[in-house]
Each structure stands twice: as C-alpha cells, then as structure tokens.
Amino acid sequence: MPAPTIRRGRKFDQVLDGARRIFLRDGFEGASVDDIAREAGVSKATLYSYFPDKRLLFTEVAKAECSRQATEAAALIDDTAPVAEVLRVAGTRIVRFGQSEFGQRMFRMCVAESDRFPALGQEFYHSGPLMVRQRLVGYLSKAVARGEIAVDDLDLAADQFAQLCKADLHDRAIFGINDAKPRDVTRVVEGAVAMFMARYGRR
C-alpha cells in the first residue's frame, strides 16, 4: 500500500494555521481532528482530503513554521557586515526562537514523540536549525576569505556558536523556568560573540 501523501488546495494554508494553534495548545496526542477542523473552519472531509494522516499534518506544521523562522533569520545576515555584528543578529534570533512558545513546545514534542515518531525530529532539524547553520556557514566562509576570522572547520564553528547561545537559557526554558529578561538574552549573546571572536578572530 502506498504511503499517504499531502494534497494542496485552496484551503491548505487555512488548515495549517488552525492545526498549528491546536497542536501548540494540546500537543500531538491531545489534538483531535475534530478540534483542528473546527479551528481551521473546514470540514473533516476537507481536512482529510489534504492530510489523510494526522502525522503528516503535524510534520507539515513543524516544517512550515521552522522554515519561516529560519528564512527570516537567514535574511537578516548581511554578507558584507563585520563578523561580530552578524553574530549578534544571528545569536539573538537563535535565542528568541529557543525561548518562544513554538520553539519550546516543538522541542518537547520532538523528545516526547522520538520513539513513535522519529521523522518529526528530523523534519524539525532540517527545516529550521540546519537551514540557519548552513546560512551561517556561508557567511563565515566569506569572512574567512576576507581575512576577518581564521576557521578550519566552518560547520563546527557554526555549531559551537549556536550552542554558546543556549548557555543557561535553553536548560531553564525546557524545564519550565521561563523568566529570561531581555538583559539575559543580551548577556548570553554578547558572551557567545566574545568567546567566538576570541577563538577565531584575527588580530
């Protein structure tokens, strides 16, 4: 039997928007098709005509939102700007996504569903974090060519910077301690930039 596939139509985005709200509210298991259809303002028949499987719908919601946020973050990277300036912009977006309701809920759901639904985590990573990583690597390679930084392993350097931006804030968020203030974000991002430049900056 062939695997179920997504069909696009006039109300496709409408269904995605409604599903996004219900999944964020109720999680994957708690979200019912009835609630999603009601929130989206469509019939169950219409919903099933686009998404014959709830997992397909959930995966598409995750892909669409991660891709949107990653595209917005990547668009802010100016290939001609100084390294520290670009890293501040990228770091702030990385932190804000991780601190956002969507980012936190998706992280928890990916972990909770990892055994039964391993494709979810893979789609989440490829549609979001990997896109940002690739864009940052592209910028860093140009900065290396300009002689602003000295980096042998661009992928590792980009990953190190992303991890530095999670210092304390990520752990607190996933354990439900959502008390980060703007000054906390600035402190973490500035620390990440300073450490990155201390390691890779050319004097």
N, C-alpha and C. Protein backbone atom coordinates (compact mmCIF):
# COMPACT_ATOMS: atom_id res chain seq x y z
N MET A 1 0.85 -1.19 0.00
CA MET A 1 0.00 0.00 0.00
C MET A 1 0.88 1.24 0.00
N PRO A 2 0.64 2.20 -0.93
CA PRO A 2 1.48 3.40 -0.97
C PRO A 2 1.28 4.26 0.27
N ALA A 3 2.35 4.96 0.67
CA ALA A 3 2.27 5.84 1.83
C ALA A 3 1.34 7.01 1.55
N PRO A 4 0.60 7.49 2.56
CA PRO A 4 -0.28 8.64 2.35
C PRO A 4 0.53 9.88 2.00
N THR A 5 -0.05 10.70 1.16
CA THR A 5 0.64 11.91 0.70
C THR A 5 -0.23 13.13 0.92
N ILE A 6 0.42 14.28 0.93
CA ILE A 6 -0.26 15.56 1.11
C ILE A 6 -0.79 16.05 -0.23
N ARG A 7 -2.02 16.58 -0.21
CA ARG A 7 -2.57 17.23 -1.39
C ARG A 7 -2.83 18.69 -1.07
N ARG A 8 -2.35 19.58 -1.92
CA ARG A 8 -2.55 21.01 -1.70
C ARG A 8 -3.81 21.50 -2.39
N GLY A 9 -4.42 22.51 -1.78
CA GLY A 9 -5.63 23.08 -2.34
C GLY A 9 -5.87 24.47 -1.81
N ARG A 10 -7.04 25.00 -2.11
CA ARG A 10 -7.35 26.40 -1.78
C ARG A 10 -7.30 26.68 -0.29
N LYS A 11 -7.67 25.72 0.53
CA LYS A 11 -7.73 25.94 1.97
C LYS A 11 -6.55 25.30 2.71
N PHE A 12 -5.50 24.98 1.97
CA PHE A 12 -4.35 24.31 2.57
C PHE A 12 -3.74 25.14 3.70
N ASP A 13 -3.45 26.42 3.43
CA ASP A 13 -2.84 27.28 4.45
C ASP A 13 -3.79 27.50 5.63
N GLN A 14 -5.07 27.55 5.34
CA GLN A 14 -6.08 27.71 6.39
C GLN A 14 -6.06 26.52 7.35
N VAL A 15 -5.93 25.33 6.79
CA VAL A 15 -5.84 24.12 7.61
C VAL A 15 -4.56 24.13 8.45
N LEU A 16 -3.44 24.53 7.83
CA LEU A 16 -2.18 24.58 8.56
C LEU A 16 -2.25 25.55 9.74
N ASP A 17 -2.85 26.72 9.52
CA ASP A 17 -2.95 27.72 10.59
C ASP A 17 -3.77 27.18 11.76
N GLY A 18 -4.90 26.56 11.45
CA GLY A 18 -5.73 26.00 12.51
C GLY A 18 -5.03 24.87 13.24
N ALA A 19 -4.35 24.01 12.48
CA ALA A 19 -3.65 22.88 13.10
C ALA A 19 -2.52 23.37 14.00
N ARG A 20 -1.82 24.42 13.56
CA ARG A 20 -0.73 24.96 14.37
C ARG A 20 -1.22 25.38 15.74
N ARG A 21 -2.35 26.06 15.78
CA ARG A 21 -2.88 26.54 17.06
C ARG A 21 -3.29 25.36 17.96
N ILE A 22 -3.92 24.36 17.38
CA ILE A 22 -4.37 23.22 18.19
C ILE A 22 -3.21 22.36 18.66
N PHE A 23 -2.24 22.12 17.79
CA PHE A 23 -1.08 21.32 18.20
C PHE A 23 -0.30 22.00 19.31
N LEU A 24 -0.15 23.31 19.21
CA LEU A 24 0.57 24.03 20.26
C LEU A 24 -0.21 24.01 21.57
N ARG A 25 -1.51 24.01 21.46
CA ARG A 25 -2.34 24.02 22.67
C ARG A 25 -2.41 22.64 23.31
N ASP A 26 -2.58 21.59 22.49
CA ASP A 26 -2.89 20.26 23.01
C ASP A 26 -1.81 19.21 22.80
N GLY A 27 -0.75 19.55 22.03
CA GLY A 27 0.25 18.54 21.71
C GLY A 27 -0.24 17.61 20.62
N PHE A 28 0.63 16.69 20.20
CA PHE A 28 0.27 15.80 19.10
C PHE A 28 -0.82 14.82 19.50
N GLU A 29 -0.62 14.13 20.60
CA GLU A 29 -1.59 13.12 21.03
C GLU A 29 -2.92 13.76 21.43
N GLY A 30 -2.85 14.91 22.09
CA GLY A 30 -4.08 15.54 22.59
C GLY A 30 -4.91 16.23 21.52
N ALA A 31 -4.31 16.53 20.40
CA ALA A 31 -5.02 17.25 19.34
C ALA A 31 -5.96 16.30 18.60
N SER A 32 -7.23 16.66 18.51
CA SER A 32 -8.18 15.84 17.78
C SER A 32 -8.44 16.44 16.40
N VAL A 33 -8.78 15.57 15.46
CA VAL A 33 -9.08 16.03 14.11
C VAL A 33 -10.31 16.93 14.14
N ASP A 34 -11.27 16.63 15.00
CA ASP A 34 -12.46 17.47 15.12
C ASP A 34 -12.09 18.90 15.53
N ASP A 35 -11.21 19.02 16.53
CA ASP A 35 -10.80 20.34 17.00
C ASP A 35 -10.03 21.10 15.93
N ILE A 36 -9.16 20.39 15.21
CA ILE A 36 -8.37 21.03 14.16
C ILE A 36 -9.28 21.55 13.05
N ALA A 37 -10.22 20.71 12.63
CA ALA A 37 -11.15 21.12 11.57
C ALA A 37 -11.98 22.33 12.02
N ARG A 38 -12.44 22.29 13.25
CA ARG A 38 -13.25 23.40 13.78
C ARG A 38 -12.42 24.68 13.84
N GLU A 39 -11.19 24.59 14.34
CA GLU A 39 -10.32 25.77 14.45
C GLU A 39 -9.97 26.33 13.07
N ALA A 40 -9.80 25.44 12.10
CA ALA A 40 -9.44 25.86 10.74
C ALA A 40 -10.64 26.35 9.94
N GLY A 41 -11.84 26.06 10.43
CA GLY A 41 -13.04 26.48 9.72
C GLY A 41 -13.30 25.66 8.47
N VAL A 42 -12.95 24.37 8.53
CA VAL A 42 -13.19 23.48 7.39
C VAL A 42 -13.87 22.21 7.89
N SER A 43 -14.39 21.43 6.96
CA SER A 43 -14.99 20.16 7.32
C SER A 43 -13.90 19.11 7.51
N LYS A 44 -14.24 18.04 8.22
CA LYS A 44 -13.28 16.95 8.39
C LYS A 44 -12.93 16.34 7.04
N ALA A 45 -13.90 16.30 6.14
CA ALA A 45 -13.65 15.74 4.81
C ALA A 45 -12.61 16.56 4.07
N THR A 46 -12.70 17.90 4.20
CA THR A 46 -11.71 18.77 3.55
C THR A 46 -10.34 18.56 4.16
N LEU A 47 -10.30 18.49 5.50
CA LEU A 47 -9.02 18.28 6.17
C LEU A 47 -8.38 16.97 5.71
N TYR A 48 -9.17 15.89 5.70
CA TYR A 48 -8.63 14.59 5.30
C TYR A 48 -8.24 14.55 3.83
N SER A 49 -8.88 15.39 3.01
CA SER A 49 -8.52 15.40 1.60
C SER A 49 -7.13 15.99 1.39
N TYR A 50 -6.72 16.88 2.30
CA TYR A 50 -5.37 17.45 2.24
C TYR A 50 -4.37 16.59 2.99
N PHE A 51 -4.78 16.12 4.16
CA PHE A 51 -3.89 15.37 5.05
C PHE A 51 -4.58 14.09 5.52
N PRO A 52 -4.37 12.98 4.85
CA PRO A 52 -5.02 11.73 5.24
C PRO A 52 -4.48 11.13 6.53
N ASP A 53 -3.41 11.69 7.05
CA ASP A 53 -2.79 11.17 8.26
C ASP A 53 -2.44 12.35 9.17
N LYS A 54 -2.78 12.25 10.46
CA LYS A 54 -2.51 13.35 11.39
C LYS A 54 -1.02 13.62 11.52
N ARG A 55 -0.22 12.59 11.39
CA ARG A 55 1.23 12.79 11.49
C ARG A 55 1.75 13.64 10.33
N LEU A 56 1.19 13.42 9.15
CA LEU A 56 1.56 14.25 8.01
C LEU A 56 1.25 15.72 8.28
N LEU A 57 0.08 15.96 8.86
CA LEU A 57 -0.32 17.33 9.17
C LEU A 57 0.62 17.95 10.20
N PHE A 58 0.93 17.19 11.24
CA PHE A 58 1.80 17.70 12.29
C PHE A 58 3.19 18.01 11.75
N THR A 59 3.71 17.09 10.92
CA THR A 59 5.03 17.30 10.33
C THR A 59 5.04 18.53 9.44
N GLU A 60 3.99 18.73 8.67
CA GLU A 60 3.92 19.88 7.78
C GLU A 60 3.85 21.19 8.56
N VAL A 61 3.11 21.19 9.67
CA VAL A 61 3.04 22.37 10.54
C VAL A 61 4.44 22.71 11.06
N ALA A 62 5.15 21.69 11.54
CA ALA A 62 6.50 21.91 12.07
C ALA A 62 7.43 22.42 10.98
N LYS A 63 7.39 21.81 9.81
CA LYS A 63 8.25 22.23 8.70
C LYS A 63 7.97 23.67 8.29
N ALA A 64 6.69 24.00 8.17
CA ALA A 64 6.32 25.34 7.71
C ALA A 64 6.76 26.42 8.68
N GLU A 65 6.56 26.19 9.97
CA GLU A 65 6.92 27.20 10.96
C GLU A 65 8.43 27.32 11.10
N CYS A 66 9.13 26.20 11.14
CA CYS A 66 10.59 26.25 11.25
C CYS A 66 11.20 26.91 10.02
N SER A 67 10.68 26.57 8.87
CA SER A 67 11.20 27.15 7.63
C SER A 67 10.98 28.65 7.60
N ARG A 68 9.80 29.08 8.06
CA ARG A 68 9.52 30.52 8.09
C ARG A 68 10.49 31.26 9.01
N GLN A 69 10.68 30.72 10.20
CA GLN A 69 11.56 31.39 11.15
C GLN A 69 13.01 31.35 10.68
N ALA A 70 13.43 30.22 10.11
CA ALA A 70 14.80 30.11 9.63
C ALA A 70 15.05 31.06 8.46
N THR A 71 14.07 31.18 7.57
CA THR A 71 14.21 32.09 6.43
C THR A 71 14.32 33.54 6.90
N GLU A 72 13.51 33.90 7.88
CA GLU A 72 13.57 35.27 8.43
C GLU A 72 14.93 35.53 9.08
N ALA A 73 15.43 34.54 9.81
CA ALA A 73 16.73 34.70 10.46
C ALA A 73 17.84 34.83 9.43
N ALA A 74 17.80 33.98 8.40
CA ALA A 74 18.84 33.99 7.38
C ALA A 74 18.84 35.30 6.60
N ALA A 75 17.64 35.87 6.40
CA ALA A 75 17.53 37.11 5.63
C ALA A 75 18.19 38.29 6.33
N LEU A 76 18.36 38.17 7.65
CA LEU A 76 18.96 39.26 8.42
C LEU A 76 20.48 39.26 8.36
N ILE A 77 21.07 38.19 7.82
CA ILE A 77 22.52 38.09 7.75
C ILE A 77 23.03 38.85 6.54
N ASP A 78 23.80 39.90 6.80
CA ASP A 78 24.39 40.72 5.75
C ASP A 78 25.80 40.22 5.47
N ASP A 79 26.01 39.70 4.28
CA ASP A 79 27.31 39.09 3.96
C ASP A 79 28.48 40.07 4.02
N THR A 80 28.20 41.36 3.99
CA THR A 80 29.28 42.35 3.99
C THR A 80 29.53 42.96 5.37
N ALA A 81 28.70 42.63 6.34
CA ALA A 81 28.83 43.23 7.67
C ALA A 81 29.94 42.57 8.47
N PRO A 82 30.48 43.26 9.49
CA PRO A 82 31.52 42.68 10.34
C PRO A 82 31.02 41.43 11.06
N VAL A 83 31.94 40.54 11.36
CA VAL A 83 31.58 39.25 11.94
C VAL A 83 30.81 39.40 13.25
N ALA A 84 31.31 40.21 14.15
CA ALA A 84 30.65 40.35 15.46
C ALA A 84 29.22 40.86 15.30
N GLU A 85 29.02 41.77 14.36
CA GLU A 85 27.69 42.32 14.13
C GLU A 85 26.72 41.25 13.64
N VAL A 86 27.18 40.45 12.69
CA VAL A 86 26.34 39.37 12.15
C VAL A 86 26.04 38.33 13.22
N LEU A 87 27.05 37.99 14.02
CA LEU A 87 26.85 37.00 15.07
C LEU A 87 25.84 37.48 16.11
N ARG A 88 25.84 38.76 16.42
CA ARG A 88 24.86 39.30 17.37
C ARG A 88 23.44 39.12 16.84
N VAL A 89 23.26 39.43 15.56
CA VAL A 89 21.94 39.28 14.95
C VAL A 89 21.52 37.81 14.93
N ALA A 90 22.41 36.94 14.46
CA ALA A 90 22.11 35.52 14.38
C ALA A 90 21.87 34.93 15.77
N GLY A 91 22.71 35.31 16.72
CA GLY A 91 22.58 34.79 18.07
C GLY A 91 21.27 35.20 18.73
N THR A 92 20.88 36.43 18.52
CA THR A 92 19.62 36.91 19.11
C THR A 92 18.44 36.15 18.54
N ARG A 93 18.45 35.86 17.24
CA ARG A 93 17.37 35.09 16.64
C ARG A 93 17.37 33.65 17.14
N ILE A 94 18.54 33.07 17.29
CA ILE A 94 18.62 31.70 17.81
C ILE A 94 18.02 31.63 19.21
N VAL A 95 18.38 32.60 20.05
CA VAL A 95 17.88 32.60 21.43
C VAL A 95 16.38 32.85 21.45
N ARG A 96 15.91 33.80 20.69
CA ARG A 96 14.48 34.12 20.70
C ARG A 96 13.64 32.95 20.22
N PHE A 97 14.13 32.22 19.22
CA PHE A 97 13.38 31.05 18.77
C PHE A 97 13.34 30.00 19.87
N GLY A 98 14.47 29.76 20.51
CA GLY A 98 14.51 28.77 21.57
C GLY A 98 13.65 29.15 22.76
N GLN A 99 13.47 30.45 22.99
CA GLN A 99 12.67 30.94 24.11
C GLN A 99 11.20 31.09 23.74
N SER A 100 10.88 31.01 22.46
CA SER A 100 9.50 31.21 22.02
C SER A 100 8.63 30.03 22.43
N GLU A 101 7.33 30.28 22.50
CA GLU A 101 6.40 29.20 22.84
C GLU A 101 6.49 28.08 21.81
N PHE A 102 6.56 28.44 20.53
CA PHE A 102 6.63 27.41 19.50
C PHE A 102 7.92 26.60 19.63
N GLY A 103 9.05 27.28 19.79
CA GLY A 103 10.32 26.59 19.90
C GLY A 103 10.37 25.62 21.06
N GLN A 104 9.86 26.05 22.21
CA GLN A 104 9.88 25.19 23.38
C GLN A 104 8.93 24.01 23.23
N ARG A 105 7.73 24.27 22.72
CA ARG A 105 6.76 23.19 22.56
C ARG A 105 7.23 22.16 21.54
N MET A 106 7.81 22.66 20.42
CA MET A 106 8.29 21.74 19.41
C MET A 106 9.43 20.88 19.96
N PHE A 107 10.33 21.48 20.73
CA PHE A 107 11.43 20.72 21.32
C PHE A 107 10.88 19.61 22.21
N ARG A 108 9.93 19.96 23.07
CA ARG A 108 9.37 18.96 23.98
C ARG A 108 8.63 17.86 23.22
N MET A 109 7.89 18.26 22.19
CA MET A 109 7.14 17.25 21.43
C MET A 109 8.07 16.34 20.64
N CYS A 110 9.15 16.90 20.11
CA CYS A 110 10.12 16.07 19.38
C CYS A 110 10.73 15.03 20.30
N VAL A 111 11.04 15.44 21.53
CA VAL A 111 11.60 14.50 22.50
C VAL A 111 10.56 13.46 22.92
N ALA A 112 9.34 13.94 23.21
CA ALA A 112 8.28 13.04 23.68
C ALA A 112 7.89 12.01 22.63
N GLU A 113 7.92 12.41 21.36
CA GLU A 113 7.47 11.53 20.28
C GLU A 113 8.63 10.84 19.55
N SER A 114 9.84 10.93 20.09
CA SER A 114 11.02 10.45 19.36
C SER A 114 10.97 8.96 19.05
N ASP A 115 10.41 8.15 19.94
CA ASP A 115 10.34 6.71 19.70
C ASP A 115 9.27 6.35 18.68
N ARG A 116 8.08 6.94 18.83
CA ARG A 116 6.97 6.60 17.94
C ARG A 116 6.99 7.39 16.64
N PHE A 117 7.65 8.55 16.66
CA PHE A 117 7.55 9.48 15.53
C PHE A 117 8.91 10.10 15.25
N PRO A 118 9.94 9.28 14.93
CA PRO A 118 11.30 9.81 14.75
C PRO A 118 11.42 10.80 13.60
N ALA A 119 10.54 10.71 12.62
CA ALA A 119 10.62 11.62 11.47
C ALA A 119 10.36 13.06 11.88
N LEU A 120 9.60 13.24 12.96
CA LEU A 120 9.28 14.60 13.39
C LEU A 120 10.53 15.38 13.75
N GLY A 121 11.39 14.79 14.58
CA GLY A 121 12.62 15.47 14.98
C GLY A 121 13.52 15.75 13.79
N GLN A 122 13.56 14.81 12.86
CA GLN A 122 14.39 15.00 11.68
C GLN A 122 13.88 16.16 10.82
N GLU A 123 12.56 16.22 10.65
CA GLU A 123 11.98 17.32 9.87
C GLU A 123 12.19 18.65 10.57
N PHE A 124 12.03 18.66 11.88
CA PHE A 124 12.22 19.88 12.66
C PHE A 124 13.65 20.40 12.49
N TYR A 125 14.61 19.49 12.58
CA TYR A 125 16.02 19.88 12.45
C TYR A 125 16.33 20.38 11.04
N HIS A 126 15.91 19.64 10.03
CA HIS A 126 16.24 20.01 8.65
C HIS A 126 15.52 21.26 8.18
N SER A 127 14.34 21.53 8.73
CA SER A 127 13.58 22.69 8.30
C SER A 127 13.97 23.97 9.05
N GLY A 128 14.64 23.83 10.17
CA GLY A 128 14.97 25.01 10.97
C GLY A 128 16.44 25.16 11.30
N PRO A 129 16.92 24.47 12.35
CA PRO A 129 18.31 24.62 12.78
C PRO A 129 19.32 24.39 11.66
N LEU A 130 19.10 23.39 10.81
CA LEU A 130 20.07 23.12 9.74
C LEU A 130 20.11 24.25 8.73
N MET A 131 18.96 24.86 8.43
CA MET A 131 18.94 25.97 7.48
C MET A 131 19.73 27.17 8.01
N VAL A 132 19.54 27.46 9.29
CA VAL A 132 20.27 28.57 9.90
C VAL A 132 21.77 28.25 9.92
N ARG A 133 22.10 27.02 10.25
CA ARG A 133 23.51 26.61 10.28
C ARG A 133 24.16 26.79 8.91
N GLN A 134 23.47 26.36 7.87
CA GLN A 134 24.01 26.46 6.51
C GLN A 134 24.20 27.92 6.09
N ARG A 135 23.26 28.76 6.48
CA ARG A 135 23.38 30.18 6.14
C ARG A 135 24.54 30.82 6.89
N LEU A 136 24.72 30.44 8.15
CA LEU A 136 25.82 30.98 8.95
C LEU A 136 27.16 30.49 8.41
N VAL A 137 27.22 29.22 8.02
CA VAL A 137 28.45 28.69 7.42
C VAL A 137 28.80 29.45 6.15
N GLY A 138 27.80 29.74 5.34
CA GLY A 138 28.03 30.51 4.12
C GLY A 138 28.62 31.88 4.40
N TYR A 139 28.09 32.54 5.44
CA TYR A 139 28.63 33.85 5.81
C TYR A 139 30.06 33.71 6.33
N LEU A 140 30.29 32.76 7.22
CA LEU A 140 31.61 32.59 7.82
C LEU A 140 32.68 32.30 6.78
N SER A 141 32.32 31.55 5.75
CA SER A 141 33.29 31.25 4.69
C SER A 141 33.73 32.53 3.98
N LYS A 142 32.82 33.46 3.81
CA LYS A 142 33.17 34.73 3.17
C LYS A 142 34.01 35.59 4.11
N ALA A 143 33.72 35.52 5.41
CA ALA A 143 34.52 36.27 6.38
C ALA A 143 35.95 35.73 6.44
N VAL A 144 36.08 34.41 6.29
CA VAL A 144 37.41 33.80 6.25
C VAL A 144 38.15 34.29 5.01
N ALA A 145 37.47 34.33 3.89
CA ALA A 145 38.10 34.78 2.64
C ALA A 145 38.54 36.24 2.73
N ARG A 146 37.81 37.03 3.52
CA ARG A 146 38.19 38.44 3.70
C ARG A 146 39.31 38.60 4.72
N GLY A 147 39.66 37.53 5.41
CA GLY A 147 40.72 37.59 6.40
C GLY A 147 40.28 38.10 7.76
N GLU A 148 38.96 38.13 8.03
CA GLU A 148 38.46 38.64 9.31
C GLU A 148 38.53 37.60 10.42
N ILE A 149 38.40 36.33 10.04
CA ILE A 149 38.48 35.25 11.01
C ILE A 149 39.31 34.11 10.40
N ALA A 150 39.81 33.25 11.26
CA ALA A 150 40.57 32.08 10.82
C ALA A 150 39.87 30.83 11.34
N VAL A 151 39.19 30.12 10.44
CA VAL A 151 38.39 28.94 10.82
C VAL A 151 38.74 27.79 9.88
N ASP A 152 39.13 26.66 10.44
CA ASP A 152 39.42 25.48 9.63
C ASP A 152 38.16 24.64 9.39
N ASP A 153 37.32 24.53 10.42
CA ASP A 153 36.11 23.70 10.33
C ASP A 153 34.90 24.62 10.49
N LEU A 154 34.34 25.05 9.38
CA LEU A 154 33.24 26.02 9.42
C LEU A 154 31.98 25.44 10.06
N ASP A 155 31.68 24.18 9.76
CA ASP A 155 30.49 23.55 10.35
C ASP A 155 30.60 23.51 11.87
N LEU A 156 31.78 23.11 12.36
CA LEU A 156 31.99 23.05 13.80
C LEU A 156 31.88 24.43 14.42
N ALA A 157 32.48 25.43 13.80
CA ALA A 157 32.43 26.78 14.34
C ALA A 157 31.00 27.30 14.43
N ALA A 158 30.19 27.04 13.39
CA ALA A 158 28.79 27.47 13.41
C ALA A 158 28.03 26.76 14.52
N ASP A 159 28.27 25.46 14.67
CA ASP A 159 27.60 24.70 15.73
C ASP A 159 28.03 25.17 17.12
N GLN A 160 29.31 25.47 17.27
CA GLN A 160 29.79 25.97 18.56
C GLN A 160 29.10 27.27 18.93
N PHE A 161 28.97 28.16 17.95
CA PHE A 161 28.33 29.44 18.24
C PHE A 161 26.86 29.23 18.65
N ALA A 162 26.16 28.37 17.92
CA ALA A 162 24.75 28.11 18.26
C ALA A 162 24.62 27.55 19.67
N GLN A 163 25.53 26.66 20.05
CA GLN A 163 25.48 26.09 21.39
C GLN A 163 25.82 27.12 22.47
N LEU A 164 26.75 27.99 22.17
CA LEU A 164 27.09 29.06 23.13
C LEU A 164 25.88 29.94 23.40
N CYS A 165 25.03 30.11 22.40
CA CYS A 165 23.85 30.96 22.55
C CYS A 165 22.77 30.30 23.42
N LYS A 166 22.94 29.03 23.74
CA LYS A 166 21.96 28.34 24.57
C LYS A 166 22.36 28.33 26.05
N ALA A 167 23.50 28.89 26.37
CA ALA A 167 24.02 28.83 27.74
C ALA A 167 22.96 29.23 28.76
N ASP A 168 22.64 28.33 29.67
CA ASP A 168 21.69 28.54 30.76
C ASP A 168 20.25 28.73 30.26
N LEU A 169 20.04 29.60 29.28
CA LEU A 169 18.69 29.94 28.85
C LEU A 169 17.94 28.71 28.34
N HIS A 170 18.60 27.86 27.57
CA HIS A 170 17.93 26.69 26.99
C HIS A 170 17.49 25.72 28.08
N ASP A 171 18.39 25.40 29.00
CA ASP A 171 18.04 24.46 30.07
C ASP A 171 16.90 25.00 30.92
N ARG A 172 16.96 26.28 31.25
CA ARG A 172 15.90 26.86 32.07
C ARG A 172 14.56 26.80 31.35
N ALA A 173 14.57 27.06 30.05
CA ALA A 173 13.32 27.07 29.28
C ALA A 173 12.70 25.68 29.22
N ILE A 174 13.50 24.65 28.92
CA ILE A 174 12.91 23.32 28.75
C ILE A 174 12.45 22.73 30.07
N PHE A 175 12.96 23.26 31.20
CA PHE A 175 12.49 22.82 32.49
C PHE A 175 11.39 23.72 33.04
N GLY A 176 10.88 24.59 32.17
CA GLY A 176 9.73 25.40 32.54
C GLY A 176 10.04 26.65 33.33
N ILE A 177 11.30 27.07 33.37
CA ILE A 177 11.66 28.29 34.09
C ILE A 177 11.79 29.41 33.05
N ASN A 178 10.66 30.01 32.74
CA ASN A 178 10.62 31.00 31.67
C ASN A 178 10.70 32.42 32.21
N ASP A 179 11.83 32.73 32.82
CA ASP A 179 11.98 34.04 33.45
C ASP A 179 13.07 34.88 32.79
N ALA A 180 13.47 34.51 31.58
CA ALA A 180 14.55 35.25 30.91
C ALA A 180 14.10 36.66 30.55
N LYS A 181 14.94 37.62 30.87
CA LYS A 181 14.68 39.02 30.55
C LYS A 181 15.52 39.41 29.34
N PRO A 182 15.18 40.52 28.68
CA PRO A 182 15.99 40.98 27.55
C PRO A 182 17.47 41.11 27.90
N ARG A 183 17.76 41.55 29.11
CA ARG A 183 19.17 41.70 29.51
C ARG A 183 19.86 40.34 29.60
N ASP A 184 19.10 39.28 29.93
CA ASP A 184 19.68 37.94 30.00
C ASP A 184 20.05 37.45 28.60
N VAL A 185 19.17 37.73 27.64
CA VAL A 185 19.44 37.36 26.25
C VAL A 185 20.68 38.09 25.75
N THR A 186 20.73 39.39 26.02
CA THR A 186 21.89 40.19 25.60
C THR A 186 23.17 39.66 26.22
N ARG A 187 23.12 39.34 27.49
CA ARG A 187 24.31 38.83 28.20
C ARG A 187 24.82 37.54 27.56
N VAL A 188 23.91 36.62 27.26
CA VAL A 188 24.31 35.33 26.68
C VAL A 188 24.85 35.52 25.27
N VAL A 189 24.15 36.31 24.47
CA VAL A 189 24.58 36.52 23.08
C VAL A 189 25.93 37.24 23.04
N GLU A 190 26.09 38.28 23.84
CA GLU A 190 27.37 39.00 23.85
C GLU A 190 28.50 38.10 24.31
N GLY A 191 28.22 37.23 25.28
CA GLY A 191 29.23 36.29 25.73
C GLY A 191 29.61 35.30 24.65
N ALA A 192 28.61 34.85 23.88
CA ALA A 192 28.87 33.92 22.79
C ALA A 192 29.71 34.58 21.71
N VAL A 193 29.39 35.82 21.38
CA VAL A 193 30.15 36.55 20.36
C VAL A 193 31.59 36.75 20.82
N ALA A 194 31.75 37.16 22.08
CA ALA A 194 33.09 37.41 22.61
C ALA A 194 33.94 36.13 22.59
N MET A 195 33.34 35.02 22.98
CA MET A 195 34.10 33.77 23.01
C MET A 195 34.43 33.30 21.59
N PHE A 196 33.48 33.45 20.68
CA PHE A 196 33.73 33.06 19.29
C PHE A 196 34.86 33.88 18.69
N MET A 197 34.82 35.18 18.92
CA MET A 197 35.85 36.06 18.35
C MET A 197 37.21 35.83 19.01
N ALA A 198 37.20 35.48 20.30
CA ALA A 198 38.46 35.18 20.98
C ALA A 198 39.11 33.93 20.39
N ARG A 199 38.28 33.00 19.96
CA ARG A 199 38.81 31.75 19.38
C ARG A 199 39.18 31.91 17.91
N TYR A 200 38.34 32.59 17.15
CA TYR A 200 38.51 32.59 15.71
C TYR A 200 38.89 33.96 15.10
N GLY A 201 38.77 35.02 15.88
CA GLY A 201 39.07 36.35 15.33
C GLY A 201 40.55 36.52 15.03
N ARG A 202 40.83 37.27 14.00
CA ARG A 202 42.24 37.55 13.64
C ARG A 202 42.57 38.95 14.08
N ARG A 203 43.67 39.05 14.80
CA ARG A 203 44.09 40.35 15.32
C ARG A 203 45.07 41.00 14.36
